[in-house]
């Protein structure tokens, strides 16, 4: 309570955001993340719809901090639930992927390999790496926000981001080398 002219005046309560406002603000990010997970516009729309439904149901238990991370966490969990129901064919083990060399990336990659080509190569990364790179580099989330979204430790985000960037880099170098041979 604050005192004004000797009287006790209650402090105004911090007003929590409305679900509709948060959902509207984060809708584009949710769709982009869903698209990275599903590789299908139709499936991404369905995933976002189900995510928003689940989030609306749980809105009363949300503490108000990091709404983007909270929504992406719900989206990821819904995606995993749907995938388990369908079966998890096509999973790639992170440990089975060979890590490329990190030497001279920017010298090797031509700036002609930007935009759609980078996003296309990002979509080809294994899910764990794809999400870390998409959240931190594309959506510009902090490591902490990405960790909350993915429900993993910050160190794991850093590790996946490092490996994902190296794989993406190698794919872009390979793509540029291949396009140079075709010329």
N, C-alpha and C. Protein backbone atom coordinates (compact mmCIF):
# COMPACT_ATOMS: atom_id res chain seq x y z
N UNK A 1 0.84 -1.18 0.00
CA UNK A 1 0.00 0.00 0.00
C UNK A 1 0.88 1.24 0.00
N UNK A 2 0.50 2.19 -0.77
CA UNK A 2 1.20 3.46 -0.84
C UNK A 2 0.45 4.48 0.01
N UNK A 3 1.17 5.50 0.42
CA UNK A 3 0.55 6.53 1.24
C UNK A 3 0.43 7.81 0.43
N UNK A 4 -0.77 8.33 0.34
CA UNK A 4 -1.03 9.58 -0.35
C UNK A 4 -1.73 10.50 0.62
N UNK A 5 -1.07 11.62 0.96
CA UNK A 5 -1.61 12.58 1.92
C UNK A 5 -2.06 11.91 3.21
N UNK A 6 -1.22 10.97 3.67
CA UNK A 6 -1.50 10.31 4.93
C UNK A 6 -2.51 9.18 4.84
N UNK A 7 -3.05 8.93 3.67
CA UNK A 7 -4.02 7.85 3.51
C UNK A 7 -3.37 6.67 2.81
N UNK A 8 -3.79 5.51 3.17
CA UNK A 8 -3.30 4.31 2.51
C UNK A 8 -4.08 4.09 1.23
N UNK A 9 -3.33 3.98 0.13
CA UNK A 9 -3.96 3.76 -1.16
C UNK A 9 -3.40 2.46 -1.72
N UNK A 10 -4.27 1.54 -2.08
CA UNK A 10 -3.76 0.27 -2.62
C UNK A 10 -3.05 0.52 -3.96
N UNK A 11 -1.94 -0.21 -4.16
CA UNK A 11 -1.22 -0.12 -5.42
C UNK A 11 -2.07 -0.77 -6.51
N UNK A 12 -2.05 -0.18 -7.68
CA UNK A 12 -2.82 -0.82 -8.77
C UNK A 12 -2.21 -2.17 -9.11
N UNK A 13 -3.07 -3.12 -9.31
CA UNK A 13 -2.60 -4.47 -9.66
C UNK A 13 -2.09 -4.47 -11.09
N UNK A 14 -1.02 -5.23 -11.27
CA UNK A 14 -0.48 -5.39 -12.62
C UNK A 14 -1.51 -6.19 -13.42
N UNK A 15 -1.94 -5.59 -14.50
CA UNK A 15 -2.96 -6.22 -15.32
C UNK A 15 -2.31 -7.25 -16.23
N UNK A 16 -2.76 -8.48 -16.14
CA UNK A 16 -2.20 -9.52 -17.00
C UNK A 16 -2.76 -9.35 -18.40
N UNK A 17 -1.94 -9.71 -19.39
CA UNK A 17 -2.40 -9.54 -20.77
C UNK A 17 -3.57 -10.47 -21.07
N UNK A 18 -4.37 -10.05 -22.02
CA UNK A 18 -5.49 -10.89 -22.45
C UNK A 18 -4.96 -11.95 -23.39
N UNK A 19 -5.56 -13.12 -23.34
CA UNK A 19 -5.13 -14.22 -24.20
C UNK A 19 -5.19 -13.82 -25.67
N UNK A 20 -6.27 -13.18 -26.05
CA UNK A 20 -6.45 -12.81 -27.46
C UNK A 20 -5.33 -11.90 -27.95
N UNK A 21 -4.89 -10.96 -27.09
CA UNK A 21 -3.82 -10.04 -27.47
C UNK A 21 -2.49 -10.78 -27.63
N UNK A 22 -2.19 -11.66 -26.70
CA UNK A 22 -0.95 -12.44 -26.77
C UNK A 22 -0.97 -13.36 -27.99
N UNK A 23 -2.08 -14.05 -28.19
CA UNK A 23 -2.20 -14.97 -29.33
C UNK A 23 -2.04 -14.23 -30.65
N UNK A 24 -2.67 -13.09 -30.77
CA UNK A 24 -2.58 -12.30 -32.00
C UNK A 24 -1.13 -11.85 -32.25
N UNK A 25 -0.47 -11.42 -31.19
CA UNK A 25 0.91 -10.94 -31.31
C UNK A 25 1.88 -12.05 -31.69
N UNK A 26 1.66 -13.27 -31.22
CA UNK A 26 2.60 -14.37 -31.45
C UNK A 26 2.18 -15.32 -32.57
N UNK A 27 1.08 -15.05 -33.21
CA UNK A 27 0.54 -15.95 -34.23
C UNK A 27 1.53 -16.22 -35.36
N UNK A 28 2.17 -15.20 -35.87
CA UNK A 28 3.11 -15.38 -37.00
C UNK A 28 4.30 -16.24 -36.58
N UNK A 29 4.80 -16.03 -35.38
CA UNK A 29 5.93 -16.82 -34.89
C UNK A 29 5.51 -18.28 -34.73
N UNK A 30 4.34 -18.49 -34.16
CA UNK A 30 3.84 -19.86 -33.98
C UNK A 30 3.72 -20.57 -35.32
N UNK A 31 3.21 -19.87 -36.31
CA UNK A 31 3.04 -20.47 -37.63
C UNK A 31 4.40 -20.82 -38.24
N UNK A 32 5.36 -19.90 -38.13
CA UNK A 32 6.69 -20.19 -38.70
C UNK A 32 7.34 -21.38 -38.01
N UNK A 33 7.23 -21.46 -36.70
CA UNK A 33 7.80 -22.60 -35.97
C UNK A 33 7.08 -23.88 -36.35
N UNK A 34 5.76 -23.82 -36.44
CA UNK A 34 4.97 -25.00 -36.82
C UNK A 34 5.35 -25.46 -38.22
N UNK A 35 5.56 -24.53 -39.12
CA UNK A 35 5.97 -24.86 -40.49
C UNK A 35 7.33 -25.54 -40.49
N UNK A 36 8.23 -25.10 -39.64
CA UNK A 36 9.55 -25.74 -39.53
C UNK A 36 9.42 -27.17 -39.01
N UNK A 37 8.45 -27.40 -38.15
CA UNK A 37 8.27 -28.73 -37.59
C UNK A 37 7.57 -29.67 -38.57
N UNK A 38 6.53 -29.17 -39.22
CA UNK A 38 5.68 -30.06 -40.01
C UNK A 38 6.04 -30.13 -41.48
N UNK A 39 6.68 -29.10 -42.01
CA UNK A 39 7.02 -29.01 -43.44
C UNK A 39 5.77 -28.99 -44.32
N UNK A 40 4.65 -28.57 -43.76
CA UNK A 40 3.40 -28.53 -44.52
C UNK A 40 2.56 -27.37 -44.01
N UNK A 41 2.12 -26.52 -44.92
CA UNK A 41 1.31 -25.36 -44.53
C UNK A 41 0.01 -25.80 -43.85
N UNK A 42 -0.64 -26.82 -44.42
CA UNK A 42 -1.89 -27.30 -43.85
C UNK A 42 -1.69 -27.88 -42.45
N UNK A 43 -0.66 -28.71 -42.29
CA UNK A 43 -0.37 -29.29 -40.98
C UNK A 43 0.04 -28.21 -39.98
N UNK A 44 0.78 -27.21 -40.45
CA UNK A 44 1.20 -26.12 -39.58
C UNK A 44 -0.02 -25.34 -39.07
N UNK A 45 -0.97 -25.08 -39.95
CA UNK A 45 -2.19 -24.38 -39.54
C UNK A 45 -2.96 -25.19 -38.51
N UNK A 46 -3.06 -26.49 -38.73
CA UNK A 46 -3.74 -27.36 -37.76
C UNK A 46 -3.02 -27.36 -36.42
N UNK A 47 -1.70 -27.43 -36.48
CA UNK A 47 -0.90 -27.45 -35.25
C UNK A 47 -1.06 -26.15 -34.48
N UNK A 48 -1.04 -25.03 -35.17
CA UNK A 48 -1.21 -23.73 -34.50
C UNK A 48 -2.62 -23.64 -33.90
N UNK A 49 -3.61 -24.08 -34.63
CA UNK A 49 -4.98 -24.04 -34.11
C UNK A 49 -5.11 -24.85 -32.82
N UNK A 50 -4.57 -26.06 -32.84
CA UNK A 50 -4.64 -26.91 -31.65
C UNK A 50 -3.83 -26.30 -30.50
N UNK A 51 -2.70 -25.69 -30.83
CA UNK A 51 -1.87 -25.04 -29.82
C UNK A 51 -2.63 -23.91 -29.16
N UNK A 52 -3.30 -23.09 -29.96
CA UNK A 52 -4.06 -21.97 -29.40
C UNK A 52 -5.22 -22.46 -28.54
N UNK A 53 -5.85 -23.53 -28.95
CA UNK A 53 -6.92 -24.12 -28.15
C UNK A 53 -6.38 -24.61 -26.81
N UNK A 54 -5.24 -25.33 -26.85
CA UNK A 54 -4.63 -25.82 -25.61
C UNK A 54 -4.19 -24.67 -24.72
N UNK A 55 -3.61 -23.62 -25.33
CA UNK A 55 -3.14 -22.47 -24.57
C UNK A 55 -4.30 -21.72 -23.93
N UNK A 56 -5.39 -21.59 -24.66
CA UNK A 56 -6.56 -20.91 -24.12
C UNK A 56 -7.10 -21.65 -22.90
N UNK A 57 -7.12 -22.97 -22.99
CA UNK A 57 -7.58 -23.79 -21.86
C UNK A 57 -6.69 -23.62 -20.65
N UNK A 58 -5.38 -23.43 -20.87
CA UNK A 58 -4.41 -23.35 -19.78
C UNK A 58 -4.10 -21.91 -19.38
N UNK A 59 -4.74 -20.93 -19.98
CA UNK A 59 -4.41 -19.53 -19.77
C UNK A 59 -4.47 -19.15 -18.29
N UNK A 60 -5.39 -19.69 -17.55
CA UNK A 60 -5.52 -19.38 -16.13
C UNK A 60 -4.31 -19.77 -15.30
N UNK A 61 -3.56 -20.75 -15.76
CA UNK A 61 -2.38 -21.19 -15.01
C UNK A 61 -1.09 -20.53 -15.50
N UNK A 62 -1.18 -19.72 -16.55
CA UNK A 62 0.00 -19.04 -17.09
C UNK A 62 0.39 -17.89 -16.17
N UNK A 63 1.69 -17.79 -15.85
CA UNK A 63 2.15 -16.76 -14.91
C UNK A 63 2.42 -15.41 -15.56
N UNK A 64 2.29 -15.31 -16.87
CA UNK A 64 2.46 -14.04 -17.55
C UNK A 64 3.86 -13.74 -18.05
N UNK A 65 4.84 -14.56 -17.69
CA UNK A 65 6.20 -14.29 -18.15
C UNK A 65 6.53 -15.13 -19.38
N UNK A 66 7.22 -14.52 -20.31
CA UNK A 66 7.66 -15.17 -21.54
C UNK A 66 6.51 -15.84 -22.30
N UNK A 67 5.52 -15.08 -22.73
CA UNK A 67 4.38 -15.70 -23.43
C UNK A 67 4.79 -16.43 -24.71
N UNK A 68 5.76 -15.90 -25.45
CA UNK A 68 6.19 -16.56 -26.68
C UNK A 68 6.77 -17.93 -26.36
N UNK A 69 7.62 -17.99 -25.36
CA UNK A 69 8.21 -19.27 -24.98
C UNK A 69 7.15 -20.25 -24.51
N UNK A 70 6.21 -19.76 -23.74
CA UNK A 70 5.13 -20.61 -23.23
C UNK A 70 4.32 -21.19 -24.37
N UNK A 71 3.96 -20.35 -25.35
CA UNK A 71 3.16 -20.82 -26.48
C UNK A 71 3.95 -21.80 -27.36
N UNK A 72 5.23 -21.52 -27.58
CA UNK A 72 6.03 -22.42 -28.41
C UNK A 72 6.22 -23.77 -27.71
N UNK A 73 6.33 -23.74 -26.40
CA UNK A 73 6.43 -24.99 -25.64
C UNK A 73 5.15 -25.82 -25.82
N UNK A 74 4.02 -25.17 -25.76
CA UNK A 74 2.75 -25.87 -25.98
C UNK A 74 2.70 -26.41 -27.40
N UNK A 75 3.14 -25.62 -28.37
CA UNK A 75 3.15 -26.04 -29.77
C UNK A 75 4.05 -27.26 -29.95
N UNK A 76 5.24 -27.22 -29.39
CA UNK A 76 6.17 -28.34 -29.51
C UNK A 76 5.59 -29.60 -28.87
N UNK A 77 5.00 -29.46 -27.69
CA UNK A 77 4.41 -30.62 -27.03
C UNK A 77 3.24 -31.19 -27.82
N UNK A 78 2.44 -30.33 -28.42
CA UNK A 78 1.33 -30.79 -29.26
C UNK A 78 1.87 -31.51 -30.49
N UNK A 79 2.92 -30.97 -31.09
CA UNK A 79 3.53 -31.61 -32.24
C UNK A 79 4.04 -33.01 -31.87
N UNK A 80 4.72 -33.12 -30.74
CA UNK A 80 5.24 -34.43 -30.31
C UNK A 80 4.10 -35.40 -30.01
N UNK A 81 3.03 -34.90 -29.43
CA UNK A 81 1.86 -35.76 -29.16
C UNK A 81 1.27 -36.27 -30.47
N UNK A 82 1.10 -35.38 -31.44
CA UNK A 82 0.54 -35.79 -32.73
C UNK A 82 1.46 -36.78 -33.43
N UNK A 83 2.76 -36.54 -33.34
CA UNK A 83 3.72 -37.43 -34.00
C UNK A 83 3.71 -38.81 -33.36
N UNK A 84 3.61 -38.86 -32.03
CA UNK A 84 3.55 -40.15 -31.34
C UNK A 84 2.30 -40.93 -31.75
N UNK A 85 1.19 -40.21 -31.92
CA UNK A 85 -0.05 -40.86 -32.33
C UNK A 85 0.07 -41.47 -33.73
N UNK A 86 0.80 -40.78 -34.62
CA UNK A 86 0.98 -41.26 -35.99
C UNK A 86 2.14 -42.23 -36.12
N UNK A 87 3.00 -42.28 -35.13
CA UNK A 87 4.22 -43.07 -35.24
C UNK A 87 5.36 -42.15 -35.62
N UNK A 88 6.55 -42.48 -35.23
CA UNK A 88 7.68 -41.55 -35.42
C UNK A 88 8.61 -42.02 -36.52
N UNK A 89 8.07 -42.36 -37.66
CA UNK A 89 8.91 -42.77 -38.79
C UNK A 89 9.74 -41.61 -39.27
N UNK A 90 10.95 -41.91 -39.65
CA UNK A 90 11.81 -40.89 -40.23
C UNK A 90 12.64 -40.10 -39.26
N UNK A 91 12.67 -40.48 -37.98
CA UNK A 91 13.51 -39.77 -37.03
C UNK A 91 14.98 -40.04 -37.31
N UNK A 92 15.78 -39.03 -37.12
CA UNK A 92 17.21 -39.16 -37.30
C UNK A 92 17.86 -38.94 -35.94
N UNK A 93 18.76 -39.81 -35.56
CA UNK A 93 19.46 -39.66 -34.30
C UNK A 93 20.48 -38.54 -34.42
N UNK A 94 20.51 -37.68 -33.45
CA UNK A 94 21.46 -36.58 -33.44
C UNK A 94 22.89 -37.11 -33.42
N UNK A 95 23.12 -38.18 -32.71
CA UNK A 95 24.47 -38.73 -32.58
C UNK A 95 24.99 -39.35 -33.86
N UNK A 96 24.10 -39.66 -34.80
CA UNK A 96 24.53 -40.31 -36.03
C UNK A 96 24.96 -39.34 -37.12
N UNK A 97 24.86 -38.05 -36.84
CA UNK A 97 25.18 -37.05 -37.84
C UNK A 97 26.64 -36.65 -37.74
N UNK A 98 27.32 -36.67 -38.87
CA UNK A 98 28.72 -36.28 -38.91
C UNK A 98 28.81 -34.76 -38.92
N UNK A 99 29.66 -34.21 -38.05
CA UNK A 99 29.81 -32.77 -37.98
C UNK A 99 30.83 -32.29 -39.01
N UNK A 100 30.48 -31.28 -39.76
CA UNK A 100 31.40 -30.75 -40.78
C UNK A 100 32.47 -29.86 -40.17
N UNK A 101 33.44 -29.51 -40.95
CA UNK A 101 34.50 -28.59 -40.54
C UNK A 101 33.92 -27.19 -40.42
N UNK A 102 34.50 -26.40 -39.52
CA UNK A 102 34.02 -25.05 -39.25
C UNK A 102 34.91 -23.97 -39.88
N UNK A 103 35.87 -24.35 -40.68
CA UNK A 103 36.88 -23.42 -41.16
C UNK A 103 36.37 -22.54 -42.30
N UNK A 104 36.55 -21.24 -42.15
CA UNK A 104 36.30 -20.29 -43.22
C UNK A 104 34.91 -20.27 -43.82
N UNK A 105 33.90 -20.40 -43.01
CA UNK A 105 32.53 -20.48 -43.53
C UNK A 105 32.17 -19.28 -44.41
N UNK A 106 32.34 -18.07 -43.89
CA UNK A 106 31.88 -16.90 -44.63
C UNK A 106 32.67 -16.68 -45.91
N UNK A 107 33.90 -17.17 -45.95
CA UNK A 107 34.67 -17.05 -47.18
C UNK A 107 34.16 -18.04 -48.23
N UNK A 108 33.64 -19.17 -47.78
CA UNK A 108 33.20 -20.21 -48.70
C UNK A 108 31.78 -20.03 -49.21
N UNK A 109 30.93 -19.40 -48.39
CA UNK A 109 29.53 -19.26 -48.76
C UNK A 109 29.33 -17.96 -49.52
N UNK A 110 28.80 -18.06 -50.68
CA UNK A 110 28.51 -16.89 -51.50
C UNK A 110 27.23 -16.26 -51.00
N UNK A 111 27.14 -14.95 -51.09
CA UNK A 111 25.93 -14.27 -50.66
C UNK A 111 24.76 -14.52 -51.59
N UNK A 112 25.01 -15.27 -52.67
CA UNK A 112 23.88 -15.64 -53.53
C UNK A 112 23.03 -16.73 -52.89
N UNK A 113 23.55 -17.33 -51.84
CA UNK A 113 22.82 -18.42 -51.17
C UNK A 113 22.08 -17.90 -49.95
N UNK A 114 21.28 -16.85 -50.15
CA UNK A 114 20.53 -16.28 -49.04
C UNK A 114 19.04 -16.50 -49.23
N UNK A 115 18.30 -16.02 -48.26
CA UNK A 115 16.84 -16.06 -48.38
C UNK A 115 16.26 -17.45 -48.38
N UNK A 116 15.54 -17.75 -49.43
CA UNK A 116 14.82 -19.02 -49.51
C UNK A 116 15.75 -20.22 -49.43
N UNK A 117 16.93 -20.11 -50.02
CA UNK A 117 17.87 -21.24 -49.99
C UNK A 117 18.29 -21.57 -48.56
N UNK A 118 18.55 -20.55 -47.77
CA UNK A 118 18.95 -20.79 -46.38
C UNK A 118 17.80 -21.43 -45.62
N UNK A 119 16.60 -20.90 -45.79
CA UNK A 119 15.44 -21.46 -45.08
C UNK A 119 15.15 -22.89 -45.54
N UNK A 120 15.35 -23.16 -46.83
CA UNK A 120 15.13 -24.51 -47.34
C UNK A 120 16.14 -25.47 -46.69
N UNK A 121 17.38 -25.04 -46.60
CA UNK A 121 18.41 -25.89 -45.96
C UNK A 121 18.15 -26.02 -44.46
N UNK A 122 17.66 -24.96 -43.83
CA UNK A 122 17.31 -25.02 -42.42
C UNK A 122 16.23 -26.08 -42.20
N UNK A 123 15.27 -26.14 -43.10
CA UNK A 123 14.18 -27.11 -42.97
C UNK A 123 14.66 -28.55 -43.11
N UNK A 124 15.81 -28.75 -43.69
CA UNK A 124 16.33 -30.10 -43.87
C UNK A 124 17.14 -30.59 -42.67
N UNK A 125 17.41 -29.71 -41.71
CA UNK A 125 18.16 -30.11 -40.52
C UNK A 125 17.29 -31.03 -39.65
N UNK A 126 17.93 -31.90 -38.87
CA UNK A 126 17.17 -32.69 -37.90
C UNK A 126 16.40 -31.76 -36.95
N UNK A 127 15.26 -32.20 -36.51
CA UNK A 127 14.34 -31.37 -35.75
C UNK A 127 14.98 -30.63 -34.58
N UNK A 128 15.78 -31.31 -33.78
CA UNK A 128 16.37 -30.69 -32.60
C UNK A 128 17.22 -29.48 -32.97
N UNK A 129 18.02 -29.61 -34.02
CA UNK A 129 18.86 -28.52 -34.48
C UNK A 129 18.03 -27.45 -35.17
N UNK A 130 17.09 -27.88 -35.97
CA UNK A 130 16.25 -26.95 -36.73
C UNK A 130 15.52 -26.01 -35.79
N UNK A 131 14.98 -26.54 -34.70
CA UNK A 131 14.25 -25.70 -33.76
C UNK A 131 15.17 -24.72 -33.04
N UNK A 132 16.33 -25.18 -32.62
CA UNK A 132 17.27 -24.29 -31.93
C UNK A 132 17.69 -23.14 -32.84
N UNK A 133 18.05 -23.46 -34.07
CA UNK A 133 18.47 -22.42 -35.01
C UNK A 133 17.29 -21.50 -35.35
N UNK A 134 16.13 -22.07 -35.60
CA UNK A 134 14.97 -21.26 -35.96
C UNK A 134 14.58 -20.31 -34.83
N UNK A 135 14.57 -20.80 -33.60
CA UNK A 135 14.16 -19.94 -32.49
C UNK A 135 15.19 -18.86 -32.20
N UNK A 136 16.47 -19.22 -32.17
CA UNK A 136 17.51 -18.25 -31.80
C UNK A 136 17.91 -17.34 -32.95
N UNK A 137 18.06 -17.90 -34.13
CA UNK A 137 18.58 -17.11 -35.25
C UNK A 137 17.50 -16.50 -36.13
N UNK A 138 16.41 -17.19 -36.34
CA UNK A 138 15.35 -16.66 -37.19
C UNK A 138 14.37 -15.82 -36.37
N UNK A 139 13.91 -16.37 -35.26
CA UNK A 139 12.94 -15.65 -34.42
C UNK A 139 13.61 -14.73 -33.40
N UNK A 140 14.94 -14.77 -33.32
CA UNK A 140 15.73 -13.91 -32.46
C UNK A 140 15.37 -14.01 -30.98
N UNK A 141 15.07 -15.23 -30.53
CA UNK A 141 14.81 -15.46 -29.12
C UNK A 141 16.14 -15.61 -28.40
N UNK A 142 16.16 -15.26 -27.13
CA UNK A 142 17.36 -15.47 -26.32
C UNK A 142 17.52 -16.96 -26.06
N UNK A 143 18.70 -17.37 -25.64
CA UNK A 143 18.93 -18.77 -25.31
C UNK A 143 17.97 -19.21 -24.20
N UNK A 144 17.74 -18.31 -23.25
CA UNK A 144 16.86 -18.64 -22.13
C UNK A 144 15.42 -18.84 -22.60
N UNK A 145 14.95 -17.96 -23.49
CA UNK A 145 13.59 -18.11 -24.02
C UNK A 145 13.46 -19.40 -24.84
N UNK A 146 14.47 -19.69 -25.65
CA UNK A 146 14.44 -20.93 -26.43
C UNK A 146 14.44 -22.14 -25.51
N UNK A 147 15.23 -22.09 -24.45
CA UNK A 147 15.27 -23.20 -23.50
C UNK A 147 13.91 -23.42 -22.86
N UNK A 148 13.25 -22.33 -22.49
CA UNK A 148 11.89 -22.45 -21.92
C UNK A 148 10.93 -23.04 -22.95
N UNK A 149 11.04 -22.58 -24.18
CA UNK A 149 10.15 -23.07 -25.24
C UNK A 149 10.32 -24.55 -25.49
N UNK A 150 11.56 -24.99 -25.50
CA UNK A 150 11.87 -26.38 -25.83
C UNK A 150 11.89 -27.28 -24.60
N UNK A 151 11.79 -26.68 -23.42
CA UNK A 151 11.80 -27.41 -22.15
C UNK A 151 13.10 -28.20 -21.99
N UNK A 152 14.21 -27.52 -22.27
CA UNK A 152 15.54 -28.11 -22.14
C UNK A 152 16.44 -27.09 -21.46
N UNK A 153 17.58 -27.53 -20.92
CA UNK A 153 18.51 -26.58 -20.30
C UNK A 153 19.14 -25.63 -21.32
N UNK A 154 19.56 -24.47 -20.87
CA UNK A 154 20.19 -23.48 -21.74
C UNK A 154 21.43 -24.07 -22.40
N UNK A 155 22.20 -24.87 -21.67
CA UNK A 155 23.39 -25.49 -22.24
C UNK A 155 23.05 -26.39 -23.42
N UNK A 156 21.94 -27.07 -23.36
CA UNK A 156 21.51 -27.93 -24.46
C UNK A 156 21.13 -27.08 -25.67
N UNK A 157 20.48 -25.94 -25.43
CA UNK A 157 20.16 -25.03 -26.54
C UNK A 157 21.45 -24.58 -27.21
N UNK A 158 22.43 -24.19 -26.41
CA UNK A 158 23.71 -23.73 -26.96
C UNK A 158 24.38 -24.84 -27.79
N UNK A 159 24.35 -26.04 -27.28
CA UNK A 159 24.96 -27.17 -27.97
C UNK A 159 24.24 -27.45 -29.29
N UNK A 160 22.92 -27.49 -29.26
CA UNK A 160 22.14 -27.76 -30.47
C UNK A 160 22.29 -26.63 -31.48
N UNK A 161 22.38 -25.42 -30.98
CA UNK A 161 22.56 -24.28 -31.86
C UNK A 161 23.93 -24.35 -32.54
N UNK A 162 24.95 -24.69 -31.79
CA UNK A 162 26.29 -24.82 -32.35
C UNK A 162 26.32 -25.90 -33.43
N UNK A 163 25.79 -27.06 -33.11
CA UNK A 163 25.78 -28.17 -34.08
C UNK A 163 24.89 -27.86 -35.27
N UNK A 164 23.73 -27.27 -35.00
CA UNK A 164 22.82 -26.92 -36.09
C UNK A 164 23.41 -25.91 -37.05
N UNK A 165 24.06 -24.90 -36.49
CA UNK A 165 24.71 -23.90 -37.35
C UNK A 165 25.81 -24.53 -38.19
N UNK A 166 26.57 -25.44 -37.60
CA UNK A 166 27.65 -26.10 -38.35
C UNK A 166 27.09 -26.95 -39.49
N UNK A 167 26.02 -27.68 -39.20
CA UNK A 167 25.40 -28.48 -40.26
C UNK A 167 24.82 -27.60 -41.36
N UNK A 168 24.15 -26.54 -40.95
CA UNK A 168 23.58 -25.61 -41.93
C UNK A 168 24.69 -24.99 -42.78
N UNK A 169 25.74 -24.59 -42.13
CA UNK A 169 26.89 -24.02 -42.83
C UNK A 169 27.44 -25.00 -43.86
N UNK A 170 27.62 -26.25 -43.46
CA UNK A 170 28.15 -27.26 -44.38
C UNK A 170 27.21 -27.46 -45.57
N UNK A 171 25.92 -27.47 -45.31
CA UNK A 171 24.96 -27.66 -46.40
C UNK A 171 24.97 -26.48 -47.35
N UNK A 172 25.12 -25.28 -46.81
CA UNK A 172 25.17 -24.09 -47.67
C UNK A 172 26.44 -24.08 -48.51
N UNK A 173 27.56 -24.46 -47.90
CA UNK A 173 28.81 -24.54 -48.65
C UNK A 173 28.67 -25.55 -49.78
N UNK A 174 28.11 -26.70 -49.47
CA UNK A 174 27.90 -27.75 -50.48
C UNK A 174 26.98 -27.25 -51.60
N UNK A 175 25.92 -26.55 -51.22
CA UNK A 175 24.98 -26.02 -52.19
C UNK A 175 25.67 -25.02 -53.12
N UNK A 176 26.48 -24.13 -52.55
CA UNK A 176 27.18 -23.14 -53.35
C UNK A 176 28.20 -23.81 -54.26
N UNK A 177 28.91 -24.80 -53.74
CA UNK A 177 29.88 -25.52 -54.56
C UNK A 177 29.19 -26.21 -55.73
N UNK A 178 28.05 -26.83 -55.45
CA UNK A 178 27.30 -27.50 -56.52
C UNK A 178 26.80 -26.50 -57.56
N UNK A 179 26.33 -25.35 -57.13
CA UNK A 179 25.85 -24.37 -58.10
C UNK A 179 27.00 -23.78 -58.90
N UNK A 180 28.20 -23.73 -58.32
CA UNK A 180 29.37 -23.25 -59.04
C UNK A 180 29.81 -24.22 -60.13
N UNK A 181 29.62 -25.50 -59.87
CA UNK A 181 29.98 -26.52 -60.87
C UNK A 181 29.01 -26.51 -62.04
N UNK A 182 27.76 -26.15 -61.76
CA UNK A 182 26.72 -26.15 -62.81
C UNK A 182 26.89 -24.96 -63.75
N UNK A 183 27.56 -23.92 -63.29
CA UNK A 183 27.69 -22.70 -64.12
C UNK A 183 28.62 -22.89 -65.28
